[in-house]
């Protein structure tokens, strides 16, 4: 697809933030359990000072529709295991995969490969009701997102993942759990602050990218 590069900054690999999604092992939980995905191509509007989370558009390679990325926020941010569903044409918009998700899927392929097609067909049938009100105006979300809650959820998930992983190596004790909690808590703070900084912060006029 061709894009107006005077207006849009095209985000695709090897963009730094996208590499983080691809290489961070902690995001396996987001992808495989929660169904949170990142599209392969995202367009960032250069001509506005709105927060990054409100300047993103996602193109559908099948019908050419340019969707506001907020379409996949809130409840629609989850259950996107097979990609982003395009409510315009009913096809799926390709998304990135975390390399550790792919490794896990490869190892467990004998358990799910035979059921892939019926699972995808069932998923596609479930999508139209999720997008019944897709044509309604999308409200600003940067000021309503609870960034601290994102960090809390992230740290809780990481705490459980690391605790389970460590339990296979040795018997956990209170000291191990406390250290794990402190590390994950600190990571959660960094995560919430970085999400706000990159996604929720209002862009200044002087920092706008010039074509």
N, C-alpha and C. Protein backbone atom coordinates (compact mmCIF):
# COMPACT_ATOMS: atom_id res chain seq x y z
N UNK A 1 0.84 -1.20 0.00
CA UNK A 1 0.00 0.00 0.00
C UNK A 1 0.88 1.25 0.00
N UNK A 2 0.37 2.30 -0.64
CA UNK A 2 1.07 3.57 -0.67
C UNK A 2 0.43 4.52 0.35
N UNK A 3 1.27 5.29 1.05
CA UNK A 3 0.78 6.20 2.08
C UNK A 3 1.31 7.60 1.81
N UNK A 4 0.57 8.59 2.30
CA UNK A 4 1.01 9.98 2.21
C UNK A 4 2.07 10.22 3.27
N UNK A 5 3.32 10.08 2.89
CA UNK A 5 4.41 10.19 3.85
C UNK A 5 4.69 11.63 4.25
N UNK A 6 4.04 12.58 3.58
CA UNK A 6 4.12 13.97 4.02
C UNK A 6 3.27 14.17 5.27
N UNK A 7 2.19 13.41 5.35
CA UNK A 7 1.29 13.53 6.50
C UNK A 7 1.56 12.48 7.57
N UNK A 8 1.94 11.27 7.15
CA UNK A 8 2.05 10.18 8.10
C UNK A 8 3.49 9.70 8.27
N UNK A 9 3.82 9.39 9.50
CA UNK A 9 5.05 8.68 9.82
C UNK A 9 4.68 7.20 9.85
N UNK A 10 5.31 6.39 8.99
CA UNK A 10 4.96 4.97 8.88
C UNK A 10 5.78 4.15 9.86
N UNK A 11 5.08 3.50 10.79
CA UNK A 11 5.75 2.66 11.78
C UNK A 11 5.65 1.19 11.36
N UNK A 12 6.80 0.58 11.14
CA UNK A 12 6.89 -0.83 10.88
C UNK A 12 8.29 -1.28 11.30
N UNK A 13 8.51 -2.58 11.37
CA UNK A 13 9.84 -3.07 11.75
C UNK A 13 10.88 -2.52 10.80
N UNK A 14 12.06 -2.10 11.31
CA UNK A 14 12.58 -2.30 12.67
C UNK A 14 12.40 -1.12 13.62
N UNK A 15 11.25 -0.46 13.62
CA UNK A 15 10.98 0.63 14.55
C UNK A 15 11.20 0.15 15.98
N UNK A 16 11.85 0.99 16.80
CA UNK A 16 12.27 0.58 18.14
C UNK A 16 11.15 0.04 19.01
N UNK A 17 10.02 0.75 19.08
CA UNK A 17 8.92 0.31 19.93
C UNK A 17 8.33 -1.01 19.44
N UNK A 18 8.35 -1.24 18.13
CA UNK A 18 7.85 -2.49 17.58
C UNK A 18 8.82 -3.63 17.88
N UNK A 19 10.12 -3.33 17.85
CA UNK A 19 11.11 -4.35 18.22
C UNK A 19 10.93 -4.78 19.67
N UNK A 20 10.57 -3.84 20.52
CA UNK A 20 10.31 -4.18 21.92
C UNK A 20 9.18 -5.19 22.01
N UNK A 21 8.13 -5.00 21.22
CA UNK A 21 7.01 -5.94 21.24
C UNK A 21 7.46 -7.32 20.75
N UNK A 22 8.29 -7.34 19.74
CA UNK A 22 8.71 -8.59 19.13
C UNK A 22 9.69 -9.37 20.01
N UNK A 23 10.54 -8.66 20.77
CA UNK A 23 11.63 -9.31 21.48
C UNK A 23 11.43 -9.47 22.98
N UNK A 24 10.43 -8.81 23.56
CA UNK A 24 10.21 -8.87 25.00
C UNK A 24 9.49 -10.17 25.37
N UNK A 25 10.13 -11.09 26.10
CA UNK A 25 9.49 -12.37 26.42
C UNK A 25 8.26 -12.22 27.32
N UNK A 26 8.20 -11.13 28.08
CA UNK A 26 7.06 -10.93 28.97
C UNK A 26 5.75 -10.72 28.23
N UNK A 27 5.83 -10.34 26.95
CA UNK A 27 4.62 -10.04 26.19
C UNK A 27 3.97 -11.29 25.60
N UNK A 28 4.58 -12.45 25.84
CA UNK A 28 3.95 -13.71 25.43
C UNK A 28 2.58 -13.84 26.08
N UNK A 29 2.48 -13.45 27.35
CA UNK A 29 1.20 -13.52 28.06
C UNK A 29 0.17 -12.63 27.38
N UNK A 30 0.57 -11.43 26.99
CA UNK A 30 -0.36 -10.51 26.33
C UNK A 30 -0.87 -11.09 25.02
N UNK A 31 0.03 -11.69 24.25
CA UNK A 31 -0.37 -12.20 22.94
C UNK A 31 -1.19 -13.48 23.03
N UNK A 32 -0.67 -14.48 23.70
CA UNK A 32 -1.29 -15.80 23.66
C UNK A 32 -2.45 -15.96 24.64
N UNK A 33 -2.39 -15.30 25.77
CA UNK A 33 -3.45 -15.44 26.76
C UNK A 33 -4.53 -14.37 26.58
N UNK A 34 -4.11 -13.11 26.44
CA UNK A 34 -5.07 -12.01 26.37
C UNK A 34 -5.48 -11.65 24.94
N UNK A 35 -4.68 -12.05 23.98
CA UNK A 35 -5.02 -11.72 22.59
C UNK A 35 -4.74 -10.28 22.24
N UNK A 36 -3.76 -9.66 22.89
CA UNK A 36 -3.38 -8.30 22.54
C UNK A 36 -2.34 -8.35 21.43
N UNK A 37 -2.54 -7.56 20.38
CA UNK A 37 -1.65 -7.60 19.23
C UNK A 37 -1.29 -6.18 18.80
N UNK A 38 -0.25 -6.09 17.97
CA UNK A 38 0.21 -4.83 17.39
C UNK A 38 0.24 -5.00 15.87
N UNK A 39 -0.40 -4.12 15.10
CA UNK A 39 -0.40 -4.28 13.64
C UNK A 39 1.00 -4.12 13.06
N UNK A 40 1.23 -4.78 11.93
CA UNK A 40 2.53 -4.69 11.28
C UNK A 40 2.83 -3.28 10.79
N UNK A 41 1.79 -2.55 10.41
CA UNK A 41 1.96 -1.18 9.92
C UNK A 41 1.01 -0.25 10.67
N UNK A 42 1.55 0.81 11.24
CA UNK A 42 0.76 1.84 11.90
C UNK A 42 1.18 3.19 11.34
N UNK A 43 0.21 4.04 11.05
CA UNK A 43 0.49 5.38 10.54
C UNK A 43 0.29 6.39 11.65
N UNK A 44 1.26 7.27 11.84
CA UNK A 44 1.19 8.30 12.87
C UNK A 44 0.99 9.66 12.19
N UNK A 45 -0.10 10.32 12.53
CA UNK A 45 -0.43 11.61 11.92
C UNK A 45 0.56 12.67 12.41
N UNK A 46 1.24 13.32 11.48
CA UNK A 46 2.21 14.36 11.82
C UNK A 46 1.53 15.71 12.09
N UNK A 47 0.30 15.89 11.60
CA UNK A 47 -0.33 17.21 11.54
C UNK A 47 -1.21 17.54 12.75
N UNK A 48 -0.98 16.89 13.87
CA UNK A 48 -1.77 17.17 15.06
C UNK A 48 -0.90 17.03 16.30
N UNK A 49 -1.28 17.72 17.36
CA UNK A 49 -0.52 17.64 18.62
C UNK A 49 -1.21 16.72 19.63
N UNK A 50 -2.19 15.98 19.20
CA UNK A 50 -2.87 15.06 20.12
C UNK A 50 -1.89 14.00 20.62
N UNK A 51 -2.19 13.35 21.75
CA UNK A 51 -1.32 12.28 22.25
C UNK A 51 -1.15 11.18 21.20
N UNK A 52 -0.04 10.48 21.26
CA UNK A 52 0.27 9.45 20.27
C UNK A 52 -0.84 8.42 20.16
N UNK A 53 -1.45 8.06 21.28
CA UNK A 53 -2.49 7.04 21.26
C UNK A 53 -3.70 7.48 20.44
N UNK A 54 -3.83 8.79 20.20
CA UNK A 54 -4.96 9.32 19.42
C UNK A 54 -4.54 9.76 18.03
N UNK A 55 -3.28 9.55 17.66
CA UNK A 55 -2.79 9.95 16.34
C UNK A 55 -2.50 8.74 15.44
N UNK A 56 -2.83 7.56 15.90
CA UNK A 56 -2.49 6.35 15.17
C UNK A 56 -3.63 5.88 14.27
N UNK A 57 -3.27 5.45 13.08
CA UNK A 57 -4.22 4.85 12.14
C UNK A 57 -3.67 3.52 11.68
N UNK A 58 -4.57 2.58 11.40
CA UNK A 58 -4.18 1.24 10.95
C UNK A 58 -4.81 0.98 9.59
N UNK A 59 -3.98 0.79 8.54
CA UNK A 59 -4.53 0.52 7.21
C UNK A 59 -4.87 -0.95 7.03
N UNK A 60 -5.98 -1.21 6.36
CA UNK A 60 -6.33 -2.59 6.01
C UNK A 60 -5.75 -2.87 4.62
N UNK A 61 -4.88 -3.87 4.48
CA UNK A 61 -4.27 -4.15 3.18
C UNK A 61 -5.23 -4.78 2.18
N UNK A 62 -6.40 -5.21 2.65
CA UNK A 62 -7.36 -5.89 1.78
C UNK A 62 -8.34 -4.92 1.11
N UNK A 63 -8.88 -3.98 1.89
CA UNK A 63 -9.86 -3.05 1.32
C UNK A 63 -9.35 -1.62 1.25
N UNK A 64 -8.17 -1.36 1.84
CA UNK A 64 -7.58 -0.03 1.78
C UNK A 64 -8.14 0.96 2.78
N UNK A 65 -9.05 0.54 3.64
CA UNK A 65 -9.63 1.43 4.65
C UNK A 65 -8.58 1.83 5.68
N UNK A 66 -8.57 3.11 6.03
CA UNK A 66 -7.65 3.60 7.05
C UNK A 66 -8.44 3.77 8.35
N UNK A 67 -8.20 2.88 9.29
CA UNK A 67 -8.95 2.86 10.54
C UNK A 67 -8.24 3.65 11.63
N UNK A 68 -9.01 4.34 12.46
CA UNK A 68 -8.48 4.93 13.67
C UNK A 68 -8.09 3.79 14.60
N UNK A 69 -6.84 3.80 15.09
CA UNK A 69 -6.35 2.69 15.92
C UNK A 69 -7.14 2.54 17.21
N UNK A 70 -7.86 3.60 17.63
CA UNK A 70 -8.66 3.50 18.85
C UNK A 70 -9.80 2.51 18.70
N UNK A 71 -10.05 2.08 17.46
CA UNK A 71 -11.07 1.07 17.22
C UNK A 71 -10.75 -0.21 17.98
N UNK A 72 -9.47 -0.46 18.22
CA UNK A 72 -9.04 -1.67 18.94
C UNK A 72 -8.56 -1.32 20.34
N UNK A 73 -9.24 -0.40 20.98
CA UNK A 73 -8.93 -0.06 22.38
C UNK A 73 -10.06 -0.57 23.27
N UNK A 74 -9.90 -0.38 24.56
CA UNK A 74 -10.93 -0.85 25.49
C UNK A 74 -11.08 -2.37 25.42
N UNK A 75 -12.31 -2.84 25.35
CA UNK A 75 -12.56 -4.28 25.30
C UNK A 75 -12.05 -4.90 24.01
N UNK A 76 -12.02 -4.10 22.94
CA UNK A 76 -11.56 -4.64 21.65
C UNK A 76 -10.04 -4.80 21.60
N UNK A 77 -9.35 -4.34 22.63
CA UNK A 77 -7.90 -4.52 22.67
C UNK A 77 -7.52 -5.98 22.92
N UNK A 78 -8.50 -6.77 23.36
CA UNK A 78 -8.26 -8.17 23.69
C UNK A 78 -8.93 -9.09 22.66
N UNK A 79 -8.60 -10.37 22.71
CA UNK A 79 -9.20 -11.40 21.87
C UNK A 79 -8.86 -11.23 20.39
N UNK A 80 -7.70 -10.65 20.10
CA UNK A 80 -7.28 -10.46 18.70
C UNK A 80 -6.22 -11.48 18.30
N UNK A 81 -6.44 -12.74 18.67
CA UNK A 81 -5.43 -13.77 18.45
C UNK A 81 -5.05 -13.95 16.98
N UNK A 82 -5.99 -13.75 16.09
CA UNK A 82 -5.74 -14.01 14.68
C UNK A 82 -5.45 -12.73 13.89
N UNK A 83 -5.26 -11.61 14.60
CA UNK A 83 -5.01 -10.33 13.96
C UNK A 83 -6.10 -9.33 14.27
N UNK A 84 -6.04 -8.18 13.65
CA UNK A 84 -7.08 -7.16 13.81
C UNK A 84 -8.19 -7.44 12.79
N UNK A 85 -9.41 -7.48 13.27
CA UNK A 85 -10.55 -7.68 12.39
C UNK A 85 -10.94 -6.35 11.75
N UNK A 86 -11.09 -6.35 10.42
CA UNK A 86 -11.50 -5.15 9.70
C UNK A 86 -13.02 -5.16 9.55
N UNK A 87 -13.74 -4.28 10.22
CA UNK A 87 -15.20 -4.27 10.12
C UNK A 87 -15.70 -3.81 8.76
N UNK A 88 -14.81 -3.25 7.94
CA UNK A 88 -15.21 -2.77 6.63
C UNK A 88 -15.33 -3.91 5.62
N UNK A 89 -14.33 -4.81 5.61
CA UNK A 89 -14.35 -5.90 4.62
C UNK A 89 -14.45 -7.29 5.25
N UNK A 90 -14.32 -7.38 6.56
CA UNK A 90 -14.45 -8.67 7.23
C UNK A 90 -13.21 -9.53 7.19
N UNK A 91 -12.11 -8.99 6.67
CA UNK A 91 -10.85 -9.74 6.64
C UNK A 91 -10.01 -9.36 7.86
N UNK A 92 -8.82 -9.91 7.97
CA UNK A 92 -7.96 -9.63 9.11
C UNK A 92 -6.74 -8.83 8.69
N UNK A 93 -6.39 -7.87 9.51
CA UNK A 93 -5.22 -7.02 9.29
C UNK A 93 -4.02 -7.69 9.95
N UNK A 94 -2.95 -7.96 9.20
CA UNK A 94 -1.80 -8.68 9.77
C UNK A 94 -1.17 -7.94 10.96
N UNK A 95 -0.77 -8.71 11.95
CA UNK A 95 -0.14 -8.17 13.16
C UNK A 95 1.22 -8.82 13.39
N UNK A 96 2.02 -8.18 14.21
CA UNK A 96 3.33 -8.71 14.56
C UNK A 96 3.18 -9.89 15.52
N UNK A 97 4.22 -10.72 15.55
CA UNK A 97 4.29 -11.80 16.52
C UNK A 97 5.54 -11.64 17.37
N UNK A 98 5.40 -11.84 18.64
CA UNK A 98 6.54 -11.92 19.53
C UNK A 98 7.30 -13.22 19.23
N UNK A 99 8.63 -13.16 19.15
CA UNK A 99 9.40 -14.35 18.76
C UNK A 99 9.24 -15.48 19.78
N UNK A 100 9.04 -15.13 21.05
CA UNK A 100 8.88 -16.17 22.07
C UNK A 100 7.50 -16.80 21.99
N UNK A 101 6.51 -16.03 21.53
CA UNK A 101 5.19 -16.60 21.26
C UNK A 101 5.29 -17.62 20.14
N UNK A 102 6.03 -17.26 19.09
CA UNK A 102 6.19 -18.18 17.96
C UNK A 102 6.91 -19.46 18.38
N UNK A 103 7.92 -19.33 19.24
CA UNK A 103 8.63 -20.51 19.73
C UNK A 103 7.69 -21.42 20.52
N UNK A 104 6.89 -20.81 21.38
CA UNK A 104 5.95 -21.60 22.18
C UNK A 104 4.90 -22.26 21.29
N UNK A 105 4.41 -21.52 20.30
CA UNK A 105 3.43 -22.09 19.37
C UNK A 105 4.03 -23.23 18.57
N UNK A 106 5.31 -23.09 18.19
CA UNK A 106 5.97 -24.15 17.43
C UNK A 106 6.11 -25.42 18.26
N UNK A 107 6.46 -25.26 19.53
CA UNK A 107 6.64 -26.41 20.41
C UNK A 107 5.31 -27.12 20.67
N UNK A 108 4.26 -26.34 20.80
CA UNK A 108 2.95 -26.91 21.14
C UNK A 108 2.09 -27.17 19.91
N UNK A 109 2.64 -27.02 18.72
CA UNK A 109 1.85 -27.17 17.49
C UNK A 109 1.04 -28.46 17.42
N UNK A 110 1.59 -29.62 17.85
CA UNK A 110 0.78 -30.85 17.78
C UNK A 110 -0.52 -30.78 18.58
N UNK A 111 -0.59 -29.88 19.55
CA UNK A 111 -1.79 -29.78 20.39
C UNK A 111 -2.88 -28.91 19.77
N UNK A 112 -2.49 -27.97 18.87
CA UNK A 112 -3.49 -27.04 18.36
C UNK A 112 -3.59 -26.94 16.85
N UNK A 113 -2.59 -27.45 16.12
CA UNK A 113 -2.54 -27.23 14.67
C UNK A 113 -3.76 -27.79 13.96
N UNK A 114 -4.24 -28.95 14.39
CA UNK A 114 -5.40 -29.56 13.74
C UNK A 114 -6.69 -28.76 13.97
N UNK A 115 -6.69 -27.93 15.00
CA UNK A 115 -7.89 -27.16 15.32
C UNK A 115 -7.81 -25.71 14.86
N UNK A 116 -6.71 -25.35 14.17
CA UNK A 116 -6.50 -23.95 13.80
C UNK A 116 -7.62 -23.40 12.93
N UNK A 117 -7.95 -24.09 11.84
CA UNK A 117 -8.97 -23.56 10.91
C UNK A 117 -10.33 -23.41 11.56
N UNK A 118 -10.85 -24.40 12.29
CA UNK A 118 -12.15 -24.19 12.94
C UNK A 118 -12.11 -23.11 14.01
N UNK A 119 -10.98 -22.99 14.72
CA UNK A 119 -10.87 -21.94 15.73
C UNK A 119 -10.89 -20.57 15.08
N UNK A 120 -10.19 -20.42 13.96
CA UNK A 120 -10.16 -19.13 13.27
C UNK A 120 -11.53 -18.81 12.69
N UNK A 121 -12.23 -19.81 12.14
CA UNK A 121 -13.57 -19.59 11.60
C UNK A 121 -14.54 -19.17 12.71
N UNK A 122 -14.42 -19.81 13.86
CA UNK A 122 -15.27 -19.44 15.00
C UNK A 122 -14.96 -18.03 15.47
N UNK A 123 -13.68 -17.69 15.49
CA UNK A 123 -13.27 -16.33 15.89
C UNK A 123 -13.82 -15.29 14.94
N UNK A 124 -13.75 -15.55 13.63
CA UNK A 124 -14.26 -14.60 12.64
C UNK A 124 -15.77 -14.40 12.80
N UNK A 125 -16.50 -15.47 13.09
CA UNK A 125 -17.95 -15.34 13.29
C UNK A 125 -18.28 -14.49 14.51
N UNK A 126 -17.37 -14.47 15.49
CA UNK A 126 -17.63 -13.73 16.72
C UNK A 126 -17.28 -12.25 16.60
N UNK A 127 -16.60 -11.85 15.53
CA UNK A 127 -16.13 -10.47 15.43
C UNK A 127 -17.19 -9.43 15.08
N UNK A 128 -18.09 -9.67 14.11
CA UNK A 128 -19.06 -8.61 13.76
C UNK A 128 -19.82 -8.03 14.94
N UNK A 129 -20.31 -8.82 15.90
CA UNK A 129 -20.99 -8.21 17.05
C UNK A 129 -20.09 -7.28 17.87
N UNK A 130 -18.80 -7.56 17.89
CA UNK A 130 -17.87 -6.71 18.65
C UNK A 130 -17.71 -5.34 18.00
N UNK A 131 -17.99 -5.25 16.71
CA UNK A 131 -17.78 -4.00 15.97
C UNK A 131 -19.09 -3.40 15.47
N UNK A 132 -20.20 -3.73 16.15
CA UNK A 132 -21.51 -3.22 15.74
C UNK A 132 -21.56 -1.69 15.73
N UNK A 133 -20.85 -1.06 16.67
CA UNK A 133 -20.88 0.40 16.79
C UNK A 133 -19.57 1.02 16.32
N UNK A 134 -18.90 0.35 15.37
CA UNK A 134 -17.60 0.83 14.91
C UNK A 134 -17.69 2.17 14.19
N UNK A 135 -18.86 2.50 13.66
CA UNK A 135 -19.00 3.74 12.91
C UNK A 135 -19.22 4.95 13.82
N UNK A 136 -19.47 4.71 15.10
CA UNK A 136 -19.70 5.83 16.02
C UNK A 136 -18.40 6.60 16.24
N UNK A 137 -18.50 7.92 16.48
CA UNK A 137 -17.28 8.73 16.72
C UNK A 137 -16.50 8.18 17.91
N UNK A 138 -15.19 8.13 17.75
CA UNK A 138 -14.31 7.63 18.81
C UNK A 138 -13.91 8.79 19.71
N UNK A 139 -14.08 8.61 21.00
CA UNK A 139 -13.80 9.67 21.96
C UNK A 139 -12.32 9.71 22.30
N UNK A 140 -11.82 10.88 22.71
CA UNK A 140 -10.42 10.94 23.19
C UNK A 140 -10.24 10.01 24.38
N UNK A 141 -9.16 9.24 24.38
CA UNK A 141 -8.98 8.26 25.43
C UNK A 141 -7.75 8.49 26.28
N UNK A 142 -6.83 9.34 25.84
CA UNK A 142 -5.57 9.50 26.56
C UNK A 142 -5.79 9.93 28.01
N UNK A 143 -6.76 10.84 28.24
CA UNK A 143 -6.99 11.36 29.59
C UNK A 143 -7.80 10.40 30.45
N UNK A 144 -8.44 9.42 29.83
CA UNK A 144 -9.27 8.50 30.59
C UNK A 144 -8.55 7.19 30.93
N UNK A 145 -7.42 6.95 30.25
CA UNK A 145 -6.67 5.71 30.53
C UNK A 145 -6.03 5.80 31.90
N UNK A 146 -6.20 4.77 32.69
CA UNK A 146 -5.56 4.70 34.01
C UNK A 146 -4.21 4.02 33.83
N UNK A 147 -3.19 4.84 33.59
CA UNK A 147 -1.86 4.29 33.31
C UNK A 147 -1.31 3.51 34.49
N UNK A 148 -1.63 3.96 35.72
CA UNK A 148 -1.14 3.25 36.90
C UNK A 148 -1.72 1.84 36.96
N UNK A 149 -2.97 1.70 36.49
CA UNK A 149 -3.59 0.37 36.52
C UNK A 149 -2.94 -0.56 35.50
N UNK A 150 -2.53 0.00 34.36
CA UNK A 150 -1.81 -0.79 33.38
C UNK A 150 -0.52 -1.34 33.99
N UNK A 151 0.19 -0.47 34.72
CA UNK A 151 1.42 -0.91 35.37
C UNK A 151 1.17 -1.96 36.44
N UNK A 152 0.09 -1.79 37.19
CA UNK A 152 -0.25 -2.75 38.25
C UNK A 152 -0.57 -4.12 37.66
N UNK A 153 -1.35 -4.14 36.60
CA UNK A 153 -1.71 -5.40 35.96
C UNK A 153 -0.46 -6.07 35.38
N UNK A 154 0.38 -5.25 34.73
CA UNK A 154 1.61 -5.79 34.13
C UNK A 154 2.49 -6.42 35.20
N UNK A 155 2.68 -5.70 36.33
CA UNK A 155 3.56 -6.22 37.39
C UNK A 155 2.97 -7.47 38.03
N UNK A 156 1.63 -7.53 38.16
CA UNK A 156 1.00 -8.72 38.73
C UNK A 156 1.20 -9.94 37.83
N UNK A 157 1.04 -9.74 36.52
CA UNK A 157 1.24 -10.84 35.58
C UNK A 157 2.68 -11.32 35.61
N UNK A 158 3.62 -10.37 35.60
CA UNK A 158 5.03 -10.73 35.63
C UNK A 158 5.39 -11.46 36.93
N UNK A 159 4.80 -11.03 38.05
CA UNK A 159 5.06 -11.68 39.34
C UNK A 159 4.65 -13.15 39.28
N UNK A 160 3.47 -13.41 38.74
CA UNK A 160 2.98 -14.79 38.64
C UNK A 160 3.86 -15.61 37.70
N UNK A 161 4.20 -15.02 36.53
CA UNK A 161 5.01 -15.74 35.55
C UNK A 161 6.37 -16.10 36.13
N UNK A 162 7.04 -15.12 36.75
CA UNK A 162 8.36 -15.37 37.30
C UNK A 162 8.30 -16.34 38.49
N UNK A 163 7.25 -16.22 39.30
CA UNK A 163 7.12 -17.11 40.45
C UNK A 163 6.94 -18.55 39.99
N UNK A 164 6.12 -18.75 38.97
CA UNK A 164 5.91 -20.10 38.45
C UNK A 164 7.20 -20.64 37.84
N UNK A 165 7.89 -19.78 37.08
CA UNK A 165 9.14 -20.22 36.46
C UNK A 165 10.19 -20.61 37.51
N UNK A 166 10.31 -19.80 38.57
CA UNK A 166 11.28 -20.09 39.62
C UNK A 166 10.90 -21.33 40.42
N UNK A 167 9.60 -21.60 40.54
CA UNK A 167 9.16 -22.75 41.33
C UNK A 167 9.61 -24.06 40.69
N UNK A 168 9.85 -24.04 39.36
CA UNK A 168 10.35 -25.26 38.70
C UNK A 168 11.83 -25.46 38.97
N UNK A 169 12.53 -24.40 39.35
CA UNK A 169 13.97 -24.49 39.60
C UNK A 169 14.27 -24.86 41.03
N UNK A 170 13.52 -24.27 41.97
CA UNK A 170 13.75 -24.56 43.38
C UNK A 170 12.51 -24.15 44.17
N UNK A 171 12.47 -24.57 45.40
CA UNK A 171 11.33 -24.24 46.26
C UNK A 171 11.39 -22.77 46.65
N UNK A 172 10.28 -22.09 46.44
CA UNK A 172 10.23 -20.66 46.73
C UNK A 172 10.09 -20.42 48.23
N UNK A 173 10.70 -19.33 48.69
CA UNK A 173 10.53 -18.93 50.08
C UNK A 173 10.07 -17.47 50.12
N UNK A 174 9.84 -16.96 51.31
CA UNK A 174 9.32 -15.60 51.46
C UNK A 174 10.29 -14.57 50.89
N UNK A 175 11.58 -14.81 51.07
CA UNK A 175 12.59 -13.87 50.56
C UNK A 175 12.52 -13.78 49.03
N UNK A 176 12.42 -14.93 48.37
CA UNK A 176 12.33 -14.95 46.91
C UNK A 176 11.09 -14.21 46.43
N UNK A 177 9.96 -14.46 47.09
CA UNK A 177 8.72 -13.80 46.69
C UNK A 177 8.79 -12.30 46.89
N UNK A 178 9.44 -11.86 47.99
CA UNK A 178 9.56 -10.43 48.26
C UNK A 178 10.43 -9.76 47.19
N UNK A 179 11.57 -10.39 46.87
CA UNK A 179 12.45 -9.83 45.84
C UNK A 179 11.73 -9.78 44.49
N UNK A 180 11.01 -10.85 44.19
CA UNK A 180 10.25 -10.90 42.94
C UNK A 180 9.20 -9.79 42.90
N UNK A 181 8.52 -9.57 44.03
CA UNK A 181 7.49 -8.54 44.09
C UNK A 181 8.09 -7.15 43.91
N UNK A 182 9.25 -6.90 44.52
CA UNK A 182 9.90 -5.59 44.40
C UNK A 182 10.34 -5.33 42.96
N UNK A 183 10.94 -6.35 42.35
CA UNK A 183 11.40 -6.20 40.96
C UNK A 183 10.23 -5.96 40.02
N UNK A 184 9.19 -6.75 40.17
CA UNK A 184 8.02 -6.61 39.30
C UNK A 184 7.28 -5.29 39.57
N UNK A 185 7.24 -4.88 40.85
CA UNK A 185 6.61 -3.61 41.17
C UNK A 185 7.35 -2.44 40.54
N UNK A 186 8.67 -2.47 40.63
CA UNK A 186 9.48 -1.42 40.00
C UNK A 186 9.30 -1.44 38.49
N UNK A 187 9.26 -2.65 37.91
CA UNK A 187 9.03 -2.77 36.48
C UNK A 187 7.67 -2.24 36.08
N UNK A 188 6.66 -2.46 36.94
CA UNK A 188 5.33 -1.96 36.65
C UNK A 188 5.27 -0.45 36.63
N UNK A 189 6.02 0.18 37.56
CA UNK A 189 6.08 1.65 37.58
C UNK A 189 6.73 2.16 36.30
N UNK A 190 7.85 1.55 35.91
CA UNK A 190 8.52 1.95 34.68
C UNK A 190 7.61 1.75 33.47
N UNK A 191 6.87 0.65 33.47
CA UNK A 191 5.97 0.35 32.36
C UNK A 191 4.88 1.40 32.23
N UNK A 192 4.23 1.74 33.35
CA UNK A 192 3.13 2.71 33.31
C UNK A 192 3.63 4.09 32.92
N UNK A 193 4.79 4.48 33.45
CA UNK A 193 5.35 5.80 33.12
C UNK A 193 5.74 5.86 31.65
N UNK A 194 6.37 4.80 31.15
CA UNK A 194 6.78 4.79 29.74
C UNK A 194 5.58 4.78 28.81
N UNK A 195 4.50 4.06 29.18
CA UNK A 195 3.29 4.04 28.36
C UNK A 195 2.67 5.43 28.28
N UNK A 196 2.63 6.10 29.43
CA UNK A 196 2.10 7.47 29.42
C UNK A 196 2.98 8.39 28.59
N UNK A 197 4.30 8.26 28.75
CA UNK A 197 5.22 9.16 28.06
C UNK A 197 5.12 9.00 26.54
N UNK A 198 5.04 7.76 26.07
CA UNK A 198 5.02 7.53 24.63
C UNK A 198 3.62 7.63 24.02
N UNK A 199 2.58 7.25 24.79
CA UNK A 199 1.25 7.17 24.21
C UNK A 199 0.30 8.25 24.68
N UNK A 200 0.40 8.69 25.92
CA UNK A 200 -0.60 9.59 26.46
C UNK A 200 -0.20 11.04 26.57
N UNK A 201 1.07 11.33 26.33
CA UNK A 201 1.56 12.70 26.47
C UNK A 201 1.17 13.54 25.26
N UNK A 202 0.70 14.77 25.50
CA UNK A 202 0.36 15.68 24.42
C UNK A 202 1.63 16.13 23.73
N UNK A 203 1.64 16.08 22.42
CA UNK A 203 2.81 16.43 21.63
C UNK A 203 2.92 17.94 21.50
N UNK A 204 4.10 18.48 21.78
CA UNK A 204 4.29 19.93 21.65
C UNK A 204 4.45 20.31 20.19
N UNK A 205 4.12 21.54 19.87
CA UNK A 205 4.25 22.03 18.50
C UNK A 205 5.69 21.95 18.01
N UNK A 206 6.63 22.27 18.89
CA UNK A 206 8.02 22.32 18.49
C UNK A 206 8.60 20.95 18.19
N UNK A 207 7.93 19.89 18.71
CA UNK A 207 8.46 18.54 18.51
C UNK A 207 7.82 17.83 17.33
N UNK A 208 6.91 18.47 16.63
CA UNK A 208 6.28 17.84 15.49
C UNK A 208 7.31 17.54 14.43
N UNK A 209 7.16 16.36 13.82
CA UNK A 209 8.09 15.93 12.78
C UNK A 209 7.79 16.70 11.52
N UNK A 210 8.81 17.31 10.94
CA UNK A 210 8.62 18.04 9.71
C UNK A 210 8.86 17.13 8.52
N UNK A 211 8.05 17.26 7.47
CA UNK A 211 8.22 16.38 6.30
C UNK A 211 9.52 16.71 5.58
